[in-house]
PDB file of N, CA and C in Angstrom:
ATOM      1  N   UNK A   1      -4.347  14.385  -8.411  1.00  0.00           N
ATOM      2  CA  UNK A   1      -5.186  13.508  -7.525  1.00  0.00           C
ATOM      3  C   UNK A   1      -6.425  13.197  -8.213  1.00  0.00           C
ATOM      4  N   UNK A   2      -6.879  12.007  -8.208  1.00  0.00           N
ATOM      5  CA  UNK A   2      -8.076  11.717  -8.845  1.00  0.00           C
ATOM      6  C   UNK A   2      -9.329  12.217  -8.218  1.00  0.00           C
ATOM      7  N   UNK A   3     -10.457  12.252  -8.929  1.00  0.00           N
ATOM      8  CA  UNK A   3     -11.572  12.868  -8.427  1.00  0.00           C
ATOM      9  C   UNK A   3     -12.177  12.394  -7.194  1.00  0.00           C
ATOM     10  N   UNK A   4     -12.192  11.031  -7.026  1.00  0.00           N
ATOM     11  CA  UNK A   4     -12.573  10.335  -5.945  1.00  0.00           C
ATOM     12  C   UNK A   4     -11.587  10.120  -4.759  1.00  0.00           C
ATOM     13  N   UNK A   5     -10.254  10.633  -4.964  1.00  0.00           N
ATOM     14  CA  UNK A   5      -9.321  10.218  -3.933  1.00  0.00           C
ATOM     15  C   UNK A   5      -9.245  11.221  -2.978  1.00  0.00           C
ATOM     16  N   UNK A   6      -9.173  10.798  -1.677  1.00  0.00           N
ATOM     17  CA  UNK A   6      -8.904  11.554  -0.367  1.00  0.00           C
ATOM     18  C   UNK A   6      -7.710  12.032  -0.099  1.00  0.00           C
ATOM     19  N   UNK A   7      -6.507  11.074  -0.615  1.00  0.00           N
ATOM     20  CA  UNK A   7      -5.267  11.394  -0.349  1.00  0.00           C
ATOM     21  C   UNK A   7      -4.399  11.069  -1.541  1.00  0.00           C
ATOM     22  N   UNK A   8      -3.239  11.800  -1.764  1.00  0.00           N
ATOM     23  CA  UNK A   8      -2.440  11.567  -2.812  1.00  0.00           C
ATOM     24  C   UNK A   8      -1.436  10.241  -2.700  1.00  0.00           C
ATOM     25  N   UNK A   9      -1.332   9.703  -3.789  1.00  0.00           N
ATOM     26  CA  UNK A   9      -0.638   8.563  -3.742  1.00  0.00           C
ATOM     27  C   UNK A   9       0.863   8.842  -4.028  1.00  0.00           C
ATOM     28  N   UNK A  10       1.735   8.027  -3.441  1.00  0.00           N
ATOM     29  CA  UNK A  10       3.167   7.910  -3.721  1.00  0.00           C
ATOM     30  C   UNK A  10       3.352   6.868  -4.625  1.00  0.00           C
ATOM     31  N   UNK A  11       3.795   7.013  -5.869  1.00  0.00           N
ATOM     32  CA  UNK A  11       3.913   5.835  -6.587  1.00  0.00           C
ATOM     33  C   UNK A  11       5.370   5.425  -6.597  1.00  0.00           C
ATOM     34  N   UNK A  12       5.566   4.287  -5.767  1.00  0.00           N
ATOM     35  CA  UNK A  12       6.827   3.672  -5.686  1.00  0.00           C
ATOM     36  C   UNK A  12       6.626   2.261  -5.213  1.00  0.00           C
ATOM     37  N   UNK A  13       7.435   1.331  -5.827  1.00  0.00           N
ATOM     38  CA  UNK A  13       7.313   0.027  -5.631  1.00  0.00           C
ATOM     39  C   UNK A  13       8.044  -0.286  -4.416  1.00  0.00           C
ATOM     40  N   UNK A  14       7.483  -0.798  -3.304  1.00  0.00           N
ATOM     41  CA  UNK A  14       7.946  -1.055  -2.074  1.00  0.00           C
ATOM     42  C   UNK A  14       7.901  -2.517  -1.682  1.00  0.00           C
ATOM     43  N   UNK A  15       8.826  -3.086  -0.986  1.00  0.00           N
ATOM     44  CA  UNK A  15       8.743  -4.415  -0.431  1.00  0.00           C
ATOM     45  C   UNK A  15       7.671  -4.396   0.696  1.00  0.00           C
ATOM     46  N   UNK A  16       6.745  -5.559   0.666  1.00  0.00           N
ATOM     47  CA  UNK A  16       5.779  -5.621   1.795  1.00  0.00           C
ATOM     48  C   UNK A  16       5.508  -7.128   2.022  1.00  0.00           C
ATOM     49  N   UNK A  17       4.956  -7.321   3.132  1.00  0.00           N
ATOM     50  CA  UNK A  17       4.540  -8.592   3.583  1.00  0.00           C
ATOM     51  C   UNK A  17       3.032  -8.489   4.195  1.00  0.00           C
ATOM     52  N   UNK A  18       2.361  -9.453   3.943  1.00  0.00           N
ATOM     53  CA  UNK A  18       0.905  -9.455   4.255  1.00  0.00           C
ATOM     54  C   UNK A  18       0.418 -10.654   4.833  1.00  0.00           C
ATOM     55  N   UNK A  19      -0.530 -10.714   5.607  1.00  0.00           N
ATOM     56  CA  UNK A  19      -1.328 -11.934   6.083  1.00  0.00           C
ATOM     57  C   UNK A  19      -2.676 -11.671   6.399  1.00  0.00           C
ATOM     58  N   UNK A  20      -3.632 -12.656   6.121  1.00  0.00           N
ATOM     59  CA  UNK A  20      -5.006 -12.686   6.616  1.00  0.00           C
ATOM     60  C   UNK A  20      -5.159 -13.497   7.841  1.00  0.00           C
ATOM     61  N   UNK A  21      -6.068 -13.149   8.729  1.00  0.00           N
ATOM     62  CA  UNK A  21      -6.324 -14.053   9.764  1.00  0.00           C
ATOM     63  C   UNK A  21      -5.152 -14.385  10.509  1.00  0.00           C
ATOM     64  N   UNK A  22      -4.721 -15.612  10.955  1.00  0.00           N
ATOM     65  CA  UNK A  22      -3.582 -15.922  11.856  1.00  0.00           C
ATOM     66  C   UNK A  22      -2.471 -16.745  10.815  1.00  0.00           C
ATOM     67  N   UNK A  23      -2.755 -16.455   9.592  1.00  0.00           N
ATOM     68  CA  UNK A  23      -1.792 -17.297   8.648  1.00  0.00           C
ATOM     69  C   UNK A  23      -0.282 -16.561   8.756  1.00  0.00           C
ATOM     70  N   UNK A  24       0.666 -17.216   8.065  1.00  0.00           N
ATOM     71  CA  UNK A  24       1.893 -16.687   8.040  1.00  0.00           C
ATOM     72  C   UNK A  24       1.864 -15.412   7.133  1.00  0.00           C
ATOM     73  N   UNK A  25       3.051 -14.531   7.316  1.00  0.00           N
ATOM     74  CA  UNK A  25       3.136 -13.472   6.390  1.00  0.00           C
ATOM     75  C   UNK A  25       3.799 -13.870   5.035  1.00  0.00           C
ATOM     76  N   UNK A  26       3.168 -13.325   4.139  1.00  0.00           N
ATOM     77  CA  UNK A  26       3.785 -13.601   2.712  1.00  0.00           C
ATOM     78  C   UNK A  26       4.434 -12.449   2.090  1.00  0.00           C
ATOM     79  N   UNK A  27       5.523 -12.547   1.386  1.00  0.00           N
ATOM     80  CA  UNK A  27       6.265 -11.720   0.830  1.00  0.00           C
ATOM     81  C   UNK A  27       5.690 -11.085  -0.512  1.00  0.00           C
ATOM     82  N   UNK A  28       5.518  -9.759  -0.591  1.00  0.00           N
ATOM     83  CA  UNK A  28       4.866  -9.145  -1.907  1.00  0.00           C
ATOM     84  C   UNK A  28       5.555  -7.972  -2.192  1.00  0.00           C
ATOM     85  N   UNK A  29       4.817  -7.013  -2.878  1.00  0.00           N
ATOM     86  CA  UNK A  29       5.107  -5.719  -2.911  1.00  0.00           C
ATOM     87  C   UNK A  29       3.921  -4.722  -3.203  1.00  0.00           C
ATOM     88  N   UNK A  30       4.084  -3.471  -2.776  1.00  0.00           N
ATOM     89  CA  UNK A  30       2.999  -2.456  -3.092  1.00  0.00           C
ATOM     90  C   UNK A  30       3.297  -1.737  -4.176  1.00  0.00           C
ATOM     91  N   UNK A  31       2.612  -1.140  -5.049  1.00  0.00           N
ATOM     92  CA  UNK A  31       2.896  -0.341  -6.080  1.00  0.00           C
ATOM     93  C   UNK A  31       2.844   1.193  -5.697  1.00  0.00           C
ATOM     94  N   UNK A  32       1.906   1.544  -4.812  1.00  0.00           N
ATOM     95  CA  UNK A  32       1.828   2.846  -4.226  1.00  0.00           C
ATOM     96  C   UNK A  32       1.261   2.855  -2.998  1.00  0.00           C
ATOM     97  N   UNK A  33       1.614   3.961  -2.127  1.00  0.00           N
ATOM     98  CA  UNK A  33       0.905   4.206  -0.992  1.00  0.00           C
ATOM     99  C   UNK A  33       0.375   5.581  -0.807  1.00  0.00           C
ATOM    100  N   UNK A  34      -0.860   5.564   0.054  1.00  0.00           N
ATOM    101  CA  UNK A  34      -1.317   6.925   0.388  1.00  0.00           C
ATOM    102  C   UNK A  34      -1.518   6.881   1.928  1.00  0.00           C
ATOM    103  N   UNK A  35      -1.937   7.973   2.459  1.00  0.00           N
ATOM    104  CA  UNK A  35      -2.328   8.018   3.818  1.00  0.00           C
ATOM    105  C   UNK A  35      -3.481   7.072   4.189  1.00  0.00           C
ATOM    106  N   UNK A  36      -4.371   6.747   2.965  1.00  0.00           N
ATOM    107  CA  UNK A  36      -5.488   5.962   3.271  1.00  0.00           C
ATOM    108  C   UNK A  36      -5.356   4.621   2.858  1.00  0.00           C
ATOM    109  N   UNK A  37      -4.385   4.227   2.202  1.00  0.00           N
ATOM    110  CA  UNK A  37      -4.218   2.935   1.844  1.00  0.00           C
ATOM    111  C   UNK A  37      -3.046   2.473   0.680  1.00  0.00           C
ATOM    112  N   UNK A  38      -3.168   1.409   0.203  1.00  0.00           N
ATOM    113  CA  UNK A  38      -2.127   0.861  -0.800  1.00  0.00           C
ATOM    114  C   UNK A  38      -2.479  -0.031  -1.751  1.00  0.00           C
ATOM    115  N   UNK A  39      -1.818  -0.185  -2.898  1.00  0.00           N
ATOM    116  CA  UNK A  39      -2.201  -1.252  -3.916  1.00  0.00           C
ATOM    117  C   UNK A  39      -1.071  -2.219  -3.834  1.00  0.00           C
ATOM    118  N   UNK A  40      -1.603  -3.293  -3.391  1.00  0.00           N
ATOM    119  CA  UNK A  40      -0.862  -4.691  -2.996  1.00  0.00           C
ATOM    120  C   UNK A  40      -0.949  -5.641  -4.374  1.00  0.00           C
ATOM    121  N   UNK A  41       0.340  -6.079  -4.716  1.00  0.00           N
ATOM    122  CA  UNK A  41       0.440  -7.240  -5.640  1.00  0.00           C
ATOM    123  C   UNK A  41       0.475  -8.405  -4.924  1.00  0.00           C
ATOM    124  N   UNK A  42      -0.410  -9.388  -5.173  1.00  0.00           N
ATOM    125  CA  UNK A  42      -0.347 -10.782  -4.546  1.00  0.00           C
ATOM    126  C   UNK A  42      -0.464 -11.957  -5.557  1.00  0.00           C
ATOM    127  N   UNK A  43      -0.003 -13.168  -5.099  1.00  0.00           N
ATOM    128  CA  UNK A  43      -0.092 -14.209  -5.815  1.00  0.00           C
ATOM    129  C   UNK A  43      -1.497 -14.911  -5.865  1.00  0.00           C
ATOM    130  N   UNK A  44      -2.218 -14.650  -4.820  1.00  0.00           N
ATOM    131  CA  UNK A  44      -3.561 -15.244  -4.496  1.00  0.00           C
ATOM    132  C   UNK A  44      -4.564 -14.221  -4.324  1.00  0.00           C
ATOM    133  N   UNK A  45      -5.814 -14.460  -4.442  1.00  0.00           N
ATOM    134  CA  UNK A  45      -6.837 -13.485  -4.153  1.00  0.00           C
ATOM    135  C   UNK A  45      -7.016 -13.470  -2.779  1.00  0.00           C
ATOM    136  N   UNK A  46      -7.300 -12.271  -1.974  1.00  0.00           N
ATOM    137  CA  UNK A  46      -7.503 -12.144  -0.701  1.00  0.00           C
ATOM    138  C   UNK A  46      -9.067 -12.149  -0.299  1.00  0.00           C
ATOM    139  N   UNK A  47      -9.275 -12.912   0.874  1.00  0.00           N
ATOM    140  CA  UNK A  47     -10.652 -12.913   1.138  1.00  0.00           C
ATOM    141  C   UNK A  47     -11.081 -11.495   1.860  1.00  0.00           C
ATOM    142  N   UNK A  48     -12.281 -11.213   1.975  1.00  0.00           N
ATOM    143  CA  UNK A  48     -12.774  -9.915   2.771  1.00  0.00           C
ATOM    144  C   UNK A  48     -12.417 -10.052   4.291  1.00  0.00           C
ATOM    145  N   UNK A  49     -12.124  -8.940   4.828  1.00  0.00           N
ATOM    146  CA  UNK A  49     -11.699  -9.059   6.222  1.00  0.00           C
ATOM    147  C   UNK A  49     -10.359  -8.255   6.390  1.00  0.00           C
ATOM    148  N   UNK A  50      -9.945  -8.382   7.587  1.00  0.00           N
ATOM    149  CA  UNK A  50      -8.706  -7.779   8.121  1.00  0.00           C
ATOM    150  C   UNK A  50      -7.407  -8.296   7.250  1.00  0.00           C
ATOM    151  N   UNK A  51      -6.558  -7.282   6.968  1.00  0.00           N
ATOM    152  CA  UNK A  51      -5.199  -7.726   6.326  1.00  0.00           C
ATOM    153  C   UNK A  51      -4.218  -7.083   7.245  1.00  0.00           C
ATOM    154  N   UNK A  52      -3.218  -7.758   7.531  1.00  0.00           N
ATOM    155  CA  UNK A  52      -1.923  -7.089   8.284  1.00  0.00           C
ATOM    156  C   UNK A  52      -1.027  -6.885   7.183  1.00  0.00           C
ATOM    157  N   UNK A  53      -0.686  -5.750   6.977  1.00  0.00           N
ATOM    158  CA  UNK A  53       0.421  -5.350   5.873  1.00  0.00           C
ATOM    159  C   UNK A  53       1.565  -4.511   6.532  1.00  0.00           C
ATOM    160  N   UNK A  54       2.694  -5.123   6.229  1.00  0.00           N
ATOM    161  CA  UNK A  54       4.128  -4.528   6.813  1.00  0.00           C
ATOM    162  C   UNK A  54       4.793  -4.087   5.725  1.00  0.00           C
ATOM    163  N   UNK A  55       5.155  -2.722   5.709  1.00  0.00           N
ATOM    164  CA  UNK A  55       5.822  -2.037   4.827  1.00  0.00           C
ATOM    165  C   UNK A  55       7.283  -1.676   5.277  1.00  0.00           C
ATOM    166  N   UNK A  56       8.288  -1.419   4.406  1.00  0.00           N
ATOM    167  CA  UNK A  56       9.328  -1.203   4.947  1.00  0.00           C
ATOM    168  C   UNK A  56       9.692   0.267   4.343  1.00  0.00           C
ATOM    169  N   UNK A  57       9.768   1.142   5.375  1.00  0.00           N
ATOM    170  CA  UNK A  57       9.775   2.588   4.970  1.00  0.00           C
ATOM    171  C   UNK A  57      11.157   3.203   5.723  1.00  0.00           C
ATOM    172  N   UNK A  58      11.901   3.711   4.860  1.00  0.00           N
ATOM    173  CA  UNK A  58      13.069   4.301   5.348  1.00  0.00           C
ATOM    174  C   UNK A  58      13.944   3.450   6.119  1.00  0.00           C
ATOM    175  N   UNK A  59      13.874   1.978   5.770  1.00  0.00           N
ATOM    176  CA  UNK A  59      14.654   1.231   6.687  1.00  0.00           C
ATOM    177  C   UNK A  59      13.834   0.475   7.910  1.00  0.00           C
ATOM    178  N   UNK A  60      12.687   0.906   8.201  1.00  0.00           N
ATOM    179  CA  UNK A  60      11.891   0.650   9.372  1.00  0.00           C
ATOM    180  C   UNK A  60      10.685  -0.126   8.914  1.00  0.00           C
ATOM    181  N   UNK A  61      10.444  -1.301   9.530  1.00  0.00           N
ATOM    182  CA  UNK A  61       9.211  -2.090   9.223  1.00  0.00           C
ATOM    183  C   UNK A  61       8.066  -1.474   9.946  1.00  0.00           C
ATOM    184  N   UNK A  62       7.003  -1.205   9.339  1.00  0.00           N
ATOM    185  CA  UNK A  62       5.724  -0.627   9.852  1.00  0.00           C
ATOM    186  C   UNK A  62       4.673  -1.539   9.489  1.00  0.00           C
ATOM    187  N   UNK A  63       3.814  -2.012  10.502  1.00  0.00           N
ATOM    188  CA  UNK A  63       2.639  -2.829  10.289  1.00  0.00           C
ATOM    189  C   UNK A  63       1.444  -2.012  10.515  1.00  0.00           C
ATOM    190  N   UNK A  64       0.520  -2.257   9.354  1.00  0.00           N
ATOM    191  CA  UNK A  64      -0.761  -1.402   9.189  1.00  0.00           C
ATOM    192  C   UNK A  64      -1.729  -2.357   9.190  1.00  0.00           C
ATOM    193  N   UNK A  65      -3.002  -2.188   9.925  1.00  0.00           N
ATOM    194  CA  UNK A  65      -4.101  -3.022   9.720  1.00  0.00           C
ATOM    195  C   UNK A  65      -4.947  -2.230   8.579  1.00  0.00           C
ATOM    196  N   UNK A  66      -5.464  -3.068   7.655  1.00  0.00           N
ATOM    197  CA  UNK A  66      -6.082  -2.616   6.352  1.00  0.00           C
ATOM    198  C   UNK A  66      -7.268  -3.611   6.187  1.00  0.00           C
ATOM    199  N   UNK A  67      -8.079  -3.217   5.293  1.00  0.00           N
ATOM    200  CA  UNK A  67      -9.161  -4.051   4.678  1.00  0.00           C
ATOM    201  C   UNK A  67      -9.166  -4.034   3.245  1.00  0.00           C
ATOM    202  N   UNK A  68      -9.512  -5.162   2.524  1.00  0.00           N
ATOM    203  CA  UNK A  68      -9.545  -5.190   1.140  1.00  0.00           C
ATOM    204  C   UNK A  68     -10.475  -4.309   0.587  1.00  0.00           C
ATOM    205  N   UNK A  69     -10.289  -3.398  -0.237  1.00  0.00           N
ATOM    206  CA  UNK A  69     -11.338  -2.437  -0.770  1.00  0.00           C
ATOM    207  C   UNK A  69     -11.821  -3.064  -2.208  1.00  0.00           C
ATOM    208  N   UNK A  70     -10.957  -3.632  -2.960  1.00  0.00           N
ATOM    209  CA  UNK A  70     -11.226  -4.219  -4.211  1.00  0.00           C
ATOM    210  C   UNK A  70     -10.074  -5.127  -4.684  1.00  0.00           C
ATOM    211  N   UNK A  71     -10.284  -5.983  -5.649  1.00  0.00           N
ATOM    212  CA  UNK A  71      -9.129  -6.826  -6.188  1.00  0.00           C
ATOM    213  C   UNK A  71      -9.514  -7.160  -7.587  1.00  0.00           C
ATOM    214  N   UNK A  72      -8.450  -7.171  -8.294  1.00  0.00           N
ATOM    215  CA  UNK A  72      -8.409  -7.479 -10.028  1.00  0.00           C
ATOM    216  C   UNK A  72      -7.485  -8.524 -10.265  1.00  0.00           C
ATOM    217  N   UNK A  73      -7.878  -9.540 -11.096  1.00  0.00           N
ATOM    218  CA  UNK A  73      -7.038 -10.597 -11.468  1.00  0.00           C
ATOM    219  C   UNK A  73      -5.947  -9.902 -12.574  1.00  0.00           C
ATOM    220  N   UNK A  74      -4.653 -10.077 -12.424  1.00  0.00           N
ATOM    221  CA  UNK A  74      -3.859  -9.628 -13.417  1.00  0.00           C
ATOM    222  C   UNK A  74      -3.932 -10.513 -14.719  1.00  0.00           C
ATOM    223  N   UNK A  75      -3.456 -10.014 -15.769  1.00  0.00           N
ATOM    224  CA  UNK A  75      -3.502 -10.834 -17.131  1.00  0.00           C
ATOM    225  C   UNK A  75      -2.547 -11.875 -16.964  1.00  0.00           C
ATOM    226  N   UNK A  76      -2.642 -12.926 -17.710  1.00  0.00           N
ATOM    227  CA  UNK A  76      -2.039 -14.073 -17.870  1.00  0.00           C
ATOM    228  C   UNK A  76      -1.729 -14.889 -16.558  1.00  0.00           C
ATOM    229  N   UNK A  77      -2.717 -14.680 -15.628  1.00  0.00           N
ATOM    230  CA  UNK A  77      -2.638 -15.396 -14.466  1.00  0.00           C
ATOM    231  C   UNK A  77      -1.515 -15.120 -13.397  1.00  0.00           C
ATOM    232  N   UNK A  78      -1.006 -13.933 -13.598  1.00  0.00           N
ATOM    233  CA  UNK A  78       0.111 -13.449 -12.733  1.00  0.00           C
ATOM    234  C   UNK A  78      -0.200 -12.920 -11.266  1.00  0.00           C
ATOM    235  N   UNK A  79      -1.385 -13.364 -10.894  1.00  0.00           N
ATOM    236  CA  UNK A  79      -1.699 -12.892  -9.538  1.00  0.00           C
ATOM    237  C   UNK A  79      -2.843 -11.950  -9.542  1.00  0.00           C
ATOM    238  N   UNK A  80      -2.826 -11.056  -8.400  1.00  0.00           N
ATOM    239  CA  UNK A  80      -3.942 -10.121  -8.351  1.00  0.00           C
ATOM    240  C   UNK A  80      -3.232  -8.669  -7.818  1.00  0.00           C
ATOM    241  N   UNK A  81      -4.102  -7.711  -8.207  1.00  0.00           N
ATOM    242  CA  UNK A  81      -3.797  -6.417  -7.721  1.00  0.00           C
ATOM    243  C   UNK A  81      -5.112  -6.057  -6.914  1.00  0.00           C
ATOM    244  N   UNK A  82      -4.536  -5.520  -5.573  1.00  0.00           N
ATOM    245  CA  UNK A  82      -5.581  -5.440  -4.466  1.00  0.00           C
ATOM    246  C   UNK A  82      -5.501  -4.222  -3.939  1.00  0.00           C
ATOM    247  N   UNK A  83      -6.615  -3.517  -3.847  1.00  0.00           N
ATOM    248  CA  UNK A  83      -6.608  -2.263  -3.220  1.00  0.00           C
ATOM    249  C   UNK A  83      -6.831  -2.311  -1.703  1.00  0.00           C
ATOM    250  N   UNK A  84      -6.032  -1.782  -0.873  1.00  0.00           N
ATOM    251  CA  UNK A  84      -6.123  -1.933   0.447  1.00  0.00           C
ATOM    252  C   UNK A  84      -6.543  -0.664   1.172  1.00  0.00           C
ATOM    253  N   UNK A  85      -7.430  -0.571   2.160  1.00  0.00           N
ATOM    254  CA  UNK A  85      -7.766   0.499   2.831  1.00  0.00           C
ATOM    255  C   UNK A  85      -7.371   0.429   4.185  1.00  0.00           C
ATOM    256  N   UNK A  86      -6.512   1.446   4.722  1.00  0.00           N
ATOM    257  CA  UNK A  86      -6.186   1.339   6.030  1.00  0.00           C
ATOM    258  C   UNK A  86      -7.040   1.707   7.085  1.00  0.00           C
ATOM    259  N   UNK A  87      -7.192   0.982   8.131  1.00  0.00           N
ATOM    260  CA  UNK A  87      -8.014   1.339   9.280  1.00  0.00           C
ATOM    261  C   UNK A  87      -7.681   2.501  10.009  1.00  0.00           C
ATOM    262  N   UNK A  88      -6.468   2.412  10.466  1.00  0.00           N
ATOM    263  CA  UNK A  88      -5.874   3.608  11.293  1.00  0.00           C
ATOM    264  C   UNK A  88      -4.313   3.697  10.913  1.00  0.00           C
ATOM    265  N   UNK A  89      -3.955   4.415   9.962  1.00  0.00           N
ATOM    266  CA  UNK A  89      -2.554   4.355   9.577  1.00  0.00           C
ATOM    267  C   UNK A  89      -1.820   4.966  10.697  1.00  0.00           C
ATOM    268  N   UNK A  90      -0.473   4.373  11.019  1.00  0.00           N
ATOM    269  CA  UNK A  90       0.379   4.963  12.046  1.00  0.00           C
ATOM    270  C   UNK A  90       0.972   6.176  11.568  1.00  0.00           C
ATOM    271  N   UNK A  91       1.293   7.113  12.464  1.00  0.00           N
ATOM    272  CA  UNK A  91       1.877   8.435  12.228  1.00  0.00           C
ATOM    273  C   UNK A  91       3.009   8.292  11.202  1.00  0.00           C
ATOM    274  N   UNK A  92       3.734   7.125  11.423  1.00  0.00           N
ATOM    275  CA  UNK A  92       5.048   6.984  10.493  1.00  0.00           C
ATOM    276  C   UNK A  92       4.585   6.759   9.083  1.00  0.00           C
ATOM    277  N   UNK A  93       3.561   6.129   8.781  1.00  0.00           N
ATOM    278  CA  UNK A  93       3.149   5.987   7.375  1.00  0.00           C
ATOM    279  C   UNK A  93       2.723   7.449   6.937  1.00  0.00           C
ATOM    280  N   UNK A  94       1.875   8.094   7.570  1.00  0.00           N
ATOM    281  CA  UNK A  94       1.396   9.484   7.203  1.00  0.00           C
ATOM    282  C   UNK A  94       2.701  10.384   7.046  1.00  0.00           C
ATOM    283  N   UNK A  95       3.517  10.341   7.866  1.00  0.00           N
ATOM    284  CA  UNK A  95       4.654  11.324   7.698  1.00  0.00           C
ATOM    285  C   UNK A  95       5.557  10.998   6.459  1.00  0.00           C
ATOM    286  N   UNK A  96       5.753   9.751   6.151  1.00  0.00           N
ATOM    287  CA  UNK A  96       6.518   9.081   4.990  1.00  0.00           C
ATOM    288  C   UNK A  96       5.758   9.661   3.767  1.00  0.00           C
ATOM    289  N   UNK A  97       4.393   9.239   3.687  1.00  0.00           N
ATOM    290  CA  UNK A  97       3.668   9.870   2.530  1.00  0.00           C
ATOM    291  C   UNK A  97       3.825  11.357   2.349  1.00  0.00           C
ATOM    292  N   UNK A  98       3.528  12.094   3.390  1.00  0.00           N
ATOM    293  CA  UNK A  98       3.572  13.481   3.211  1.00  0.00           C
ATOM    294  C   UNK A  98       5.058  13.972   2.818  1.00  0.00           C
ATOM    295  N   UNK A  99       6.124  13.399   3.272  1.00  0.00           N
ATOM    296  CA  UNK A  99       7.383  13.751   2.922  1.00  0.00           C
ATOM    297  C   UNK A  99       7.712  13.394   1.474  1.00  0.00           C
ATOM    298  N   UNK A 100       7.356  12.340   1.160  1.00  0.00           N
ATOM    299  CA  UNK A 100       7.469  11.862  -0.161  1.00  0.00           C
ATOM    300  C   UNK A 100       6.686  12.726  -1.171  1.00  0.00           C
ATOM    301  N   UNK A 101       5.387  13.145  -0.870  1.00  0.00           N
ATOM    302  CA  UNK A 101       4.684  13.899  -1.849  1.00  0.00           C
ATOM    303  C   UNK A 101       5.437  15.291  -1.859  1.00  0.00           C
ATOM    304  N   UNK A 102       5.988  15.865  -0.790  1.00  0.00           N
ATOM    305  CA  UNK A 102       6.674  17.147  -0.689  1.00  0.00           C
ATOM    306  C   UNK A 102       7.859  17.103  -1.662  1.00  0.00           C
ATOM    307  N   UNK A 103       8.751  16.054  -1.555  1.00  0.00           N
ATOM    308  CA  UNK A 103       9.975  15.736  -2.046  1.00  0.00           C
ATOM    309  C   UNK A 103       9.677  15.770  -3.868  1.00  0.00           C
ATOM    310  N   UNK A 104       8.694  15.057  -4.131  1.00  0.00           N
ATOM    311  CA  UNK A 104       8.382  14.884  -5.541  1.00  0.00           C
ATOM    312  C   UNK A 104       7.885  16.187  -6.219  1.00  0.00           C
ATOM    313  N   UNK A 105       7.127  16.912  -5.229  1.00  0.00           N
ATOM    314  CA  UNK A 105       6.634  18.266  -5.841  1.00  0.00           C
ATOM    315  C   UNK A 105       8.008  19.304  -6.074  1.00  0.00           C
ATOM    316  N   UNK A 106       8.898  19.113  -5.101  1.00  0.00           N
ATOM    317  CA  UNK A 106       9.945  19.945  -5.169  1.00  0.00           C
ATOM    318  C   UNK A 106      10.915  19.450  -6.358  1.00  0.00           C
ATOM    319  N   UNK A 107      10.939  18.212  -6.609  1.00  0.00           N
ATOM    320  CA  UNK A 107      11.800  17.754  -7.872  1.00  0.00           C
ATOM    321  C   UNK A 107      11.070  18.113  -9.110  1.00  0.00           C
ATOM    322  N   UNK A 108       9.736  18.204  -9.021  1.00  0.00           N
ATOM    323  CA  UNK A 108       8.901  18.420 -10.300  1.00  0.00           C
ATOM    324  C   UNK A 108       9.178  19.897 -10.375  1.00  0.00           C
ATOM    325  N   UNK A 109       9.110  20.792  -9.556  1.00  0.00           N
ATOM    326  CA  UNK A 109       9.083  22.219  -9.769  1.00  0.00           C
ATOM    327  C   UNK A 109      10.709  22.660 -10.255  1.00  0.00           C
ATOM    328  N   UNK A 110      11.635  21.949  -9.668  1.00  0.00           N
ATOM    329  CA  UNK A 110      12.988  22.080  -9.893  1.00  0.00           C
ATOM    330  C   UNK A 110      13.435  21.806 -11.250  1.00  0.00           C
ATOM    331  N   UNK A 111      12.520  20.669 -11.821  1.00  0.00           N
ATOM    332  CA  UNK A 111      12.612  20.243 -13.137  1.00  0.00           C
ATOM    333  C   UNK A 111      14.006  19.893 -13.642  1.00  0.00           C
TER     334      UNK A 111
END
């Protein structure tokens, strides 16, 4: 875990849908998820403010209210990498992350 990180990340590319304001949901993906946020890949820059992020975790769609923490343009104009901070992650997200961290630790130890 990084020096400034409060939560462990689960590095896994997951399907995601996001929207800002009352616009329609756009399909995308996240590169990793933690109890505190996620890294979203998007085709367009996101404005500051609320982001509704829907993740598919173990076959269930879970929507989380988040805020943009940072964003970075990807090379060759392929979109943006955006750090999202969850306002209040649902228990299902926290449980999924904890379970994934435990499973990966067991796999690492079992080697």
